[in-house]
Amino acid sequence: MSYIVTVQKAVTAFAPWREPTGAELDAIEAEMPVIAAEVDLLDAQITTLDRLPNELDMRRIRRARSRVMAARRDLTNRASTGQTGGAA
């Protein structure tokens, strides 16, 4: 039998002194609108798990999905405009 403890030690061996770089923190900050919109969508979906969704619940889910798509679109547009070069 193989124990997970040995694998866990190997995976987390470098964790105490490994911190995210500035570039990684910037990437997380750039993705925060998408993350927040996805959390709102998940919250709207969770509220309908134990009951049938009514019209207000469905409207909330639709709006949350729209916010997720808009946030993803904005993130993609910012990423594509930040690139230089390419085919003319």
PDB file of N, CA and C in Angstrom:
ATOM      1  N   MET A   1       0.844  -1.177   0.000  1.00  0.00           N
ATOM      2  CA  MET A   1       0.000   0.000   0.000  1.00  0.00           C
ATOM      3  C   MET A   1       0.886   1.236   0.000  1.00  0.00           C
ATOM      4  N   SER A   2       0.565   2.185  -0.841  1.00  0.00           N
ATOM      5  CA  SER A   2       1.311   3.428  -0.941  1.00  0.00           C
ATOM      6  C   SER A   2       0.565   4.526  -0.199  1.00  0.00           C
ATOM      7  N   TYR A   3       1.261   5.237   0.659  1.00  0.00           N
ATOM      8  CA  TYR A   3       0.631   6.294   1.445  1.00  0.00           C
ATOM      9  C   TYR A   3       0.759   7.644   0.751  1.00  0.00           C
ATOM     10  N   ILE A   4      -0.245   8.460   0.902  1.00  0.00           N
ATOM     11  CA  ILE A   4      -0.273   9.777   0.273  1.00  0.00           C
ATOM     12  C   ILE A   4       0.704  10.732   0.947  1.00  0.00           C
ATOM     13  N   VAL A   5       1.098  10.455   2.179  1.00  0.00           N
ATOM     14  CA  VAL A   5       1.967  11.350   2.938  1.00  0.00           C
ATOM     15  C   VAL A   5       3.296  11.563   2.220  1.00  0.00           C
ATOM     16  N   THR A   6       3.849  10.513   1.633  1.00  0.00           N
ATOM     17  CA  THR A   6       5.129  10.671   0.951  1.00  0.00           C
ATOM     18  C   THR A   6       4.986  11.577  -0.271  1.00  0.00           C
ATOM     19  N   VAL A   7       3.875  11.455  -0.983  1.00  0.00           N
ATOM     20  CA  VAL A   7       3.639  12.309  -2.138  1.00  0.00           C
ATOM     21  C   VAL A   7       3.405  13.739  -1.689  1.00  0.00           C
ATOM     22  N   GLN A   8       2.663  13.905  -0.606  1.00  0.00           N
ATOM     23  CA  GLN A   8       2.369  15.245  -0.115  1.00  0.00           C
ATOM     24  C   GLN A   8       3.648  15.959   0.305  1.00  0.00           C
ATOM     25  N   LYS A   9       4.554  15.276   0.953  1.00  0.00           N
ATOM     26  CA  LYS A   9       5.809  15.905   1.351  1.00  0.00           C
ATOM     27  C   LYS A   9       6.603  16.348   0.133  1.00  0.00           C
ATOM     28  N   ALA A  10       6.591  15.551  -0.912  1.00  0.00           N
ATOM     29  CA  ALA A  10       7.323  15.915  -2.120  1.00  0.00           C
ATOM     30  C   ALA A  10       6.690  17.118  -2.809  1.00  0.00           C
ATOM     31  N   VAL A  11       5.380  17.200  -2.785  1.00  0.00           N
ATOM     32  CA  VAL A  11       4.691  18.299  -3.458  1.00  0.00           C
ATOM     33  C   VAL A  11       4.862  19.599  -2.694  1.00  0.00           C
ATOM     34  N   THR A  12       4.780  19.552  -1.372  1.00  0.00           N
ATOM     35  CA  THR A  12       4.831  20.769  -0.565  1.00  0.00           C
ATOM     36  C   THR A  12       6.211  21.049   0.009  1.00  0.00           C
ATOM     37  N   ALA A  13       7.212  20.371  -0.485  1.00  0.00           N
ATOM     38  CA  ALA A  13       8.546  20.544   0.089  1.00  0.00           C
ATOM     39  C   ALA A  13       9.078  21.965  -0.086  1.00  0.00           C
ATOM     40  N   PHE A  14       8.746  22.633  -1.166  1.00  0.00           N
ATOM     41  CA  PHE A  14       9.284  23.958  -1.443  1.00  0.00           C
ATOM     42  C   PHE A  14       8.308  25.085  -1.112  1.00  0.00           C
ATOM     43  N   ALA A  15       7.145  24.749  -0.564  1.00  0.00           N
ATOM     44  CA  ALA A  15       6.100  25.742  -0.336  1.00  0.00           C
ATOM     45  C   ALA A  15       6.478  26.861   0.624  1.00  0.00           C
ATOM     46  N   PRO A  16       7.165  26.623   1.747  1.00  0.00           N
ATOM     47  CA  PRO A  16       7.377  27.719   2.705  1.00  0.00           C
ATOM     48  C   PRO A  16       8.155  28.912   2.150  1.00  0.00           C
ATOM     49  N   TRP A  17       9.070  28.724   1.264  1.00  0.00           N
ATOM     50  CA  TRP A  17       9.851  29.854   0.777  1.00  0.00           C
ATOM     51  C   TRP A  17       9.511  30.250  -0.651  1.00  0.00           C
ATOM     52  N   ARG A  18       8.539  29.613  -1.234  1.00  0.00           N
ATOM     53  CA  ARG A  18       8.138  29.978  -2.598  1.00  0.00           C
ATOM     54  C   ARG A  18       6.961  30.934  -2.531  1.00  0.00           C
ATOM     55  N   GLU A  19       7.164  32.127  -2.965  1.00  0.00           N
ATOM     56  CA  GLU A  19       6.130  33.153  -3.004  1.00  0.00           C
ATOM     57  C   GLU A  19       5.805  33.465  -4.459  1.00  0.00           C
ATOM     58  N   PRO A  20       4.590  33.929  -4.737  1.00  0.00           N
ATOM     59  CA  PRO A  20       4.262  34.301  -6.114  1.00  0.00           C
ATOM     60  C   PRO A  20       5.080  35.509  -6.561  1.00  0.00           C
ATOM     61  N   THR A  21       5.434  35.498  -7.813  1.00  0.00           N
ATOM     62  CA  THR A  21       6.209  36.602  -8.357  1.00  0.00           C
ATOM     63  C   THR A  21       5.287  37.788  -8.624  1.00  0.00           C
ATOM     64  N   GLY A  22       5.867  38.909  -8.908  1.00  0.00           N
ATOM     65  CA  GLY A  22       5.083  40.091  -9.240  1.00  0.00           C
ATOM     66  C   GLY A  22       4.230  39.882 -10.473  1.00  0.00           C
ATOM     67  N   ALA A  23       4.774  39.175 -11.463  1.00  0.00           N
ATOM     68  CA  ALA A  23       4.017  38.908 -12.689  1.00  0.00           C
ATOM     69  C   ALA A  23       2.813  38.013 -12.398  1.00  0.00           C
ATOM     70  N   GLU A  24       3.001  37.020 -11.531  1.00  0.00           N
ATOM     71  CA  GLU A  24       1.886  36.148 -11.178  1.00  0.00           C
ATOM     72  C   GLU A  24       0.799  36.918 -10.418  1.00  0.00           C
ATOM     73  N   LEU A  25       1.203  37.799  -9.515  1.00  0.00           N
ATOM     74  CA  LEU A  25       0.240  38.618  -8.784  1.00  0.00           C
ATOM     75  C   LEU A  25      -0.504  39.568  -9.718  1.00  0.00           C
ATOM     76  N   ASP A  26       0.211  40.118 -10.705  1.00  0.00           N
ATOM     77  CA  ASP A  26      -0.434  40.993 -11.696  1.00  0.00           C
ATOM     78  C   ASP A  26      -1.459  40.223 -12.529  1.00  0.00           C
ATOM     79  N   ALA A  27      -1.108  38.980 -12.883  1.00  0.00           N
ATOM     80  CA  ALA A  27      -2.036  38.161 -13.664  1.00  0.00           C
ATOM     81  C   ALA A  27      -3.292  37.840 -12.857  1.00  0.00           C
ATOM     82  N   ILE A  28      -3.120  37.545 -11.578  1.00  0.00           N
ATOM     83  CA  ILE A  28      -4.274  37.278 -10.719  1.00  0.00           C
ATOM     84  C   ILE A  28      -5.140  38.520 -10.599  1.00  0.00           C
ATOM     85  N   GLU A  29      -4.498  39.668 -10.416  1.00  0.00           N
ATOM     86  CA  GLU A  29      -5.251  40.914 -10.297  1.00  0.00           C
ATOM     87  C   GLU A  29      -6.016  41.230 -11.579  1.00  0.00           C
ATOM     88  N   ALA A  30      -5.414  40.928 -12.731  1.00  0.00           N
ATOM     89  CA  ALA A  30      -6.089  41.171 -14.000  1.00  0.00           C
ATOM     90  C   ALA A  30      -7.297  40.256 -14.172  1.00  0.00           C
ATOM     91  N   GLU A  31      -7.237  39.052 -13.598  1.00  0.00           N
ATOM     92  CA  GLU A  31      -8.326  38.093 -13.729  1.00  0.00           C
ATOM     93  C   GLU A  31      -9.387  38.230 -12.637  1.00  0.00           C
ATOM     94  N   MET A  32      -9.207  39.122 -11.675  1.00  0.00           N
ATOM     95  CA  MET A  32     -10.156  39.258 -10.570  1.00  0.00           C
ATOM     96  C   MET A  32     -11.582  39.585 -11.013  1.00  0.00           C
ATOM     97  N   PRO A  33     -11.823  40.431 -12.014  1.00  0.00           N
ATOM     98  CA  PRO A  33     -13.215  40.640 -12.440  1.00  0.00           C
ATOM     99  C   PRO A  33     -13.884  39.354 -12.933  1.00  0.00           C
ATOM    100  N   VAL A  34     -13.136  38.513 -13.621  1.00  0.00           N
ATOM    101  CA  VAL A  34     -13.677  37.238 -14.090  1.00  0.00           C
ATOM    102  C   VAL A  34     -13.955  36.327 -12.905  1.00  0.00           C
ATOM    103  N   ILE A  35     -13.031  36.274 -11.967  1.00  0.00           N
ATOM    104  CA  ILE A  35     -13.201  35.428 -10.795  1.00  0.00           C
ATOM    105  C   ILE A  35     -14.418  35.874  -9.991  1.00  0.00           C
ATOM    106  N   ALA A  36     -14.565  37.176  -9.778  1.00  0.00           N
ATOM    107  CA  ALA A  36     -15.703  37.688  -9.015  1.00  0.00           C
ATOM    108  C   ALA A  36     -17.021  37.398  -9.724  1.00  0.00           C
ATOM    109  N   ALA A  37     -17.051  37.533 -11.047  1.00  0.00           N
ATOM    110  CA  ALA A  37     -18.271  37.245 -11.803  1.00  0.00           C
ATOM    111  C   ALA A  37     -18.613  35.757 -11.730  1.00  0.00           C
ATOM    112  N   GLU A  38     -17.596  34.896 -11.785  1.00  0.00           N
ATOM    113  CA  GLU A  38     -17.847  33.463 -11.692  1.00  0.00           C
ATOM    114  C   GLU A  38     -18.340  33.071 -10.308  1.00  0.00           C
ATOM    115  N   VAL A  39     -17.846  33.738  -9.271  1.00  0.00           N
ATOM    116  CA  VAL A  39     -18.328  33.489  -7.916  1.00  0.00           C
ATOM    117  C   VAL A  39     -19.796  33.894  -7.799  1.00  0.00           C
ATOM    118  N   ASP A  40     -20.165  35.022  -8.389  1.00  0.00           N
ATOM    119  CA  ASP A  40     -21.567  35.452  -8.380  1.00  0.00           C
ATOM    120  C   ASP A  40     -22.463  34.459  -9.112  1.00  0.00           C
ATOM    121  N   LEU A  41     -21.986  33.943 -10.234  1.00  0.00           N
ATOM    122  CA  LEU A  41     -22.752  32.942 -10.978  1.00  0.00           C
ATOM    123  C   LEU A  41     -22.919  31.675 -10.146  1.00  0.00           C
ATOM    124  N   LEU A  42     -21.846  31.238  -9.526  1.00  0.00           N
ATOM    125  CA  LEU A  42     -21.917  30.046  -8.698  1.00  0.00           C
ATOM    126  C   LEU A  42     -22.874  30.244  -7.527  1.00  0.00           C
ATOM    127  N   ASP A  43     -22.859  31.417  -6.934  1.00  0.00           N
ATOM    128  CA  ASP A  43     -23.774  31.729  -5.843  1.00  0.00           C
ATOM    129  C   ASP A  43     -25.220  31.675  -6.320  1.00  0.00           C
ATOM    130  N   ALA A  44     -25.479  32.216  -7.500  1.00  0.00           N
ATOM    131  CA  ALA A  44     -26.836  32.183  -8.049  1.00  0.00           C
ATOM    132  C   ALA A  44     -27.272  30.752  -8.336  1.00  0.00           C
ATOM    133  N   GLN A  45     -26.366  29.930  -8.803  1.00  0.00           N
ATOM    134  CA  GLN A  45     -26.708  28.541  -9.093  1.00  0.00           C
ATOM    135  C   GLN A  45     -26.915  27.739  -7.817  1.00  0.00           C
ATOM    136  N   ILE A  46     -26.127  28.015  -6.795  1.00  0.00           N
ATOM    137  CA  ILE A  46     -26.256  27.291  -5.534  1.00  0.00           C
ATOM    138  C   ILE A  46     -27.604  27.557  -4.882  1.00  0.00           C
ATOM    139  N   THR A  47     -28.109  28.778  -5.010  1.00  0.00           N
ATOM    140  CA  THR A  47     -29.388  29.092  -4.383  1.00  0.00           C
ATOM    141  C   THR A  47     -30.541  28.284  -4.967  1.00  0.00           C
ATOM    142  N   THR A  48     -30.369  27.772  -6.169  1.00  0.00           N
ATOM    143  CA  THR A  48     -31.451  27.009  -6.801  1.00  0.00           C
ATOM    144  C   THR A  48     -31.283  25.501  -6.652  1.00  0.00           C
ATOM    145  N   LEU A  49     -30.306  25.051  -5.899  1.00  0.00           N
ATOM    146  CA  LEU A  49     -30.076  23.612  -5.785  1.00  0.00           C
ATOM    147  C   LEU A  49     -31.176  22.891  -5.009  1.00  0.00           C
ATOM    148  N   ASP A  50     -31.707  23.514  -3.982  1.00  0.00           N
ATOM    149  CA  ASP A  50     -32.659  22.817  -3.122  1.00  0.00           C
ATOM    150  C   ASP A  50     -34.119  23.127  -3.447  1.00  0.00           C
ATOM    151  N   ARG A  51     -34.364  23.850  -4.516  1.00  0.00           N
ATOM    152  CA  ARG A  51     -35.743  24.168  -4.892  1.00  0.00           C
ATOM    153  C   ARG A  51     -35.809  24.417  -6.391  1.00  0.00           C
ATOM    154  N   LEU A  52     -37.003  24.441  -6.888  1.00  0.00           N
ATOM    155  CA  LEU A  52     -37.178  24.774  -8.299  1.00  0.00           C
ATOM    156  C   LEU A  52     -36.930  26.268  -8.489  1.00  0.00           C
ATOM    157  N   PRO A  53     -36.139  26.634  -9.466  1.00  0.00           N
ATOM    158  CA  PRO A  53     -35.880  28.065  -9.673  1.00  0.00           C
ATOM    159  C   PRO A  53     -37.113  28.780 -10.200  1.00  0.00           C
ATOM    160  N   ASN A  54     -37.387  29.925  -9.622  1.00  0.00           N
ATOM    161  CA  ASN A  54     -38.498  30.736 -10.104  1.00  0.00           C
ATOM    162  C   ASN A  54     -37.964  31.750 -11.117  1.00  0.00           C
ATOM    163  N   GLU A  55     -38.817  32.631 -11.587  1.00  0.00           N
ATOM    164  CA  GLU A  55     -38.416  33.592 -12.617  1.00  0.00           C
ATOM    165  C   GLU A  55     -37.317  34.515 -12.122  1.00  0.00           C
ATOM    166  N   LEU A  56     -37.376  34.928 -10.869  1.00  0.00           N
ATOM    167  CA  LEU A  56     -36.344  35.796 -10.309  1.00  0.00           C
ATOM    168  C   LEU A  56     -34.989  35.091 -10.254  1.00  0.00           C
ATOM    169  N   ASP A  57     -34.996  33.808  -9.879  1.00  0.00           N
ATOM    170  CA  ASP A  57     -33.752  33.027  -9.854  1.00  0.00           C
ATOM    171  C   ASP A  57     -33.171  32.885 -11.260  1.00  0.00           C
ATOM    172  N   MET A  58     -34.028  32.613 -12.224  1.00  0.00           N
ATOM    173  CA  MET A  58     -33.547  32.455 -13.594  1.00  0.00           C
ATOM    174  C   MET A  58     -32.986  33.766 -14.127  1.00  0.00           C
ATOM    175  N   ARG A  59     -33.612  34.871 -13.784  1.00  0.00           N
ATOM    176  CA  ARG A  59     -33.114  36.179 -14.205  1.00  0.00           C
ATOM    177  C   ARG A  59     -31.758  36.452 -13.569  1.00  0.00           C
ATOM    178  N   ARG A  60     -31.617  36.101 -12.295  1.00  0.00           N
ATOM    179  CA  ARG A  60     -30.336  36.297 -11.600  1.00  0.00           C
ATOM    180  C   ARG A  60     -29.226  35.461 -12.245  1.00  0.00           C
ATOM    181  N   ILE A  61     -29.538  34.226 -12.603  1.00  0.00           N
ATOM    182  CA  ILE A  61     -28.548  33.359 -13.252  1.00  0.00           C
ATOM    183  C   ILE A  61     -28.184  33.901 -14.628  1.00  0.00           C
ATOM    184  N   ARG A  62     -29.182  34.347 -15.401  1.00  0.00           N
ATOM    185  CA  ARG A  62     -28.899  34.913 -16.728  1.00  0.00           C
ATOM    186  C   ARG A  62     -28.002  36.142 -16.632  1.00  0.00           C
ATOM    187  N   ARG A  63     -28.297  37.014 -15.684  1.00  0.00           N
ATOM    188  CA  ARG A  63     -27.473  38.211 -15.514  1.00  0.00           C
ATOM    189  C   ARG A  63     -26.062  37.863 -15.068  1.00  0.00           C
ATOM    190  N   ALA A  64     -25.953  36.880 -14.189  1.00  0.00           N
ATOM    191  CA  ALA A  64     -24.624  36.458 -13.740  1.00  0.00           C
ATOM    192  C   ALA A  64     -23.830  35.856 -14.896  1.00  0.00           C
ATOM    193  N   ARG A  65     -24.493  35.065 -15.737  1.00  0.00           N
ATOM    194  CA  ARG A  65     -23.811  34.507 -16.916  1.00  0.00           C
ATOM    195  C   ARG A  65     -23.362  35.614 -17.860  1.00  0.00           C
ATOM    196  N   SER A  66     -24.209  36.615 -18.017  1.00  0.00           N
ATOM    197  CA  SER A  66     -23.841  37.742 -18.881  1.00  0.00           C
ATOM    198  C   SER A  66     -22.627  38.484 -18.328  1.00  0.00           C
ATOM    199  N   ARG A  67     -22.592  38.659 -17.003  1.00  0.00           N
ATOM    200  CA  ARG A  67     -21.434  39.329 -16.398  1.00  0.00           C
ATOM    201  C   ARG A  67     -20.158  38.510 -16.559  1.00  0.00           C
ATOM    202  N   VAL A  68     -20.276  37.184 -16.454  1.00  0.00           N
ATOM    203  CA  VAL A  68     -19.107  36.315 -16.660  1.00  0.00           C
ATOM    204  C   VAL A  68     -18.603  36.451 -18.090  1.00  0.00           C
ATOM    205  N   MET A  69     -19.515  36.396 -19.048  1.00  0.00           N
ATOM    206  CA  MET A  69     -19.105  36.498 -20.453  1.00  0.00           C
ATOM    207  C   MET A  69     -18.496  37.870 -20.745  1.00  0.00           C
ATOM    208  N   ALA A  70     -19.074  38.929 -20.187  1.00  0.00           N
ATOM    209  CA  ALA A  70     -18.527  40.269 -20.402  1.00  0.00           C
ATOM    210  C   ALA A  70     -17.145  40.402 -19.771  1.00  0.00           C
ATOM    211  N   ALA A  71     -16.961  39.846 -18.584  1.00  0.00           N
ATOM    212  CA  ALA A  71     -15.657  39.922 -17.928  1.00  0.00           C
ATOM    213  C   ALA A  71     -14.612  39.122 -18.707  1.00  0.00           C
ATOM    214  N   ARG A  72     -15.003  37.949 -19.219  1.00  0.00           N
ATOM    215  CA  ARG A  72     -14.069  37.156 -20.027  1.00  0.00           C
ATOM    216  C   ARG A  72     -13.727  37.887 -21.323  1.00  0.00           C
ATOM    217  N   ARG A  73     -14.726  38.506 -21.936  1.00  0.00           N
ATOM    218  CA  ARG A  73     -14.484  39.264 -23.165  1.00  0.00           C
ATOM    219  C   ARG A  73     -13.512  40.416 -22.908  1.00  0.00           C
ATOM    220  N   ASP A  74     -13.740  41.155 -21.825  1.00  0.00           N
ATOM    221  CA  ASP A  74     -12.859  42.271 -21.504  1.00  0.00           C
ATOM    222  C   ASP A  74     -11.438  41.799 -21.229  1.00  0.00           C
ATOM    223  N   LEU A  75     -11.305  40.678 -20.509  1.00  0.00           N
ATOM    224  CA  LEU A  75      -9.966  40.141 -20.225  1.00  0.00           C
ATOM    225  C   LEU A  75      -9.274  39.716 -21.511  1.00  0.00           C
ATOM    226  N   THR A  76     -10.009  39.072 -22.404  1.00  0.00           N
ATOM    227  CA  THR A  76      -9.437  38.642 -23.678  1.00  0.00           C
ATOM    228  C   THR A  76      -9.037  39.836 -24.530  1.00  0.00           C
ATOM    229  N   ASN A  77      -9.882  40.854 -24.551  1.00  0.00           N
ATOM    230  CA  ASN A  77      -9.565  42.044 -25.337  1.00  0.00           C
ATOM    231  C   ASN A  77      -8.337  42.763 -24.778  1.00  0.00           C
ATOM    232  N   ARG A  78      -8.241  42.835 -23.461  1.00  0.00           N
ATOM    233  CA  ARG A  78      -7.044  43.473 -22.866  1.00  0.00           C
ATOM    234  C   ARG A  78      -5.793  42.672 -23.176  1.00  0.00           C
ATOM    235  N   ALA A  79      -5.899  41.354 -23.168  1.00  0.00           N
ATOM    236  CA  ALA A  79      -4.737  40.515 -23.447  1.00  0.00           C
ATOM    237  C   ALA A  79      -4.336  40.630 -24.912  1.00  0.00           C
ATOM    238  N   SER A  80      -5.312  40.707 -25.804  1.00  0.00           N
ATOM    239  CA  SER A  80      -4.983  40.763 -27.228  1.00  0.00           C
ATOM    240  C   SER A  80      -4.452  42.135 -27.638  1.00  0.00           C
ATOM    241  N   THR A  81      -4.896  43.198 -26.996  1.00  0.00           N
ATOM    242  CA  THR A  81      -4.374  44.514 -27.337  1.00  0.00           C
ATOM    243  C   THR A  81      -3.011  44.768 -26.731  1.00  0.00           C
ATOM    244  N   GLY A  82      -2.663  43.989 -25.718  1.00  0.00           N
ATOM    245  CA  GLY A  82      -1.362  44.152 -25.081  1.00  0.00           C
ATOM    246  C   GLY A  82      -0.234  43.514 -25.860  1.00  0.00           C
ATOM    247  N   GLN A  83      -0.562  42.643 -26.807  1.00  0.00           N
ATOM    248  CA  GLN A  83       0.468  41.968 -27.576  1.00  0.00           C
ATOM    249  C   GLN A  83       0.969  42.893 -28.683  1.00  0.00           C
ATOM    250  N   THR A  84       2.244  42.797 -28.969  1.00  0.00           N
ATOM    251  CA  THR A  84       2.824  43.600 -30.028  1.00  0.00           C
ATOM    252  C   THR A  84       3.238  42.708 -31.183  1.00  0.00           C
ATOM    253  N   GLY A  85       3.334  43.296 -32.342  1.00  0.00           N
ATOM    254  CA  GLY A  85       3.771  42.538 -33.509  1.00  0.00           C
ATOM    255  C   GLY A  85       2.630  41.748 -34.113  1.00  0.00           C
ATOM    256  N   GLY A  86       2.976  40.697 -34.814  1.00  0.00           N
ATOM    257  CA  GLY A  86       1.965  39.874 -35.458  1.00  0.00           C
ATOM    258  C   GLY A  86       1.847  40.224 -36.928  1.00  0.00           C
ATOM    259  N   ALA A  87       0.969  39.490 -37.585  1.00  0.00           N
ATOM    260  CA  ALA A  87       0.781  39.716 -39.016  1.00  0.00           C
ATOM    261  C   ALA A  87      -0.064  40.972 -39.218  1.00  0.00           C
ATOM    262  N   ALA A  88       0.301  41.728 -40.205  1.00  0.00           N
ATOM    263  CA  ALA A  88      -0.425  42.956 -40.498  1.00  0.00           C
ATOM    264  C   ALA A  88      -1.561  42.592 -41.347  1.00  0.00           C
TER     265      ALA A  88
END
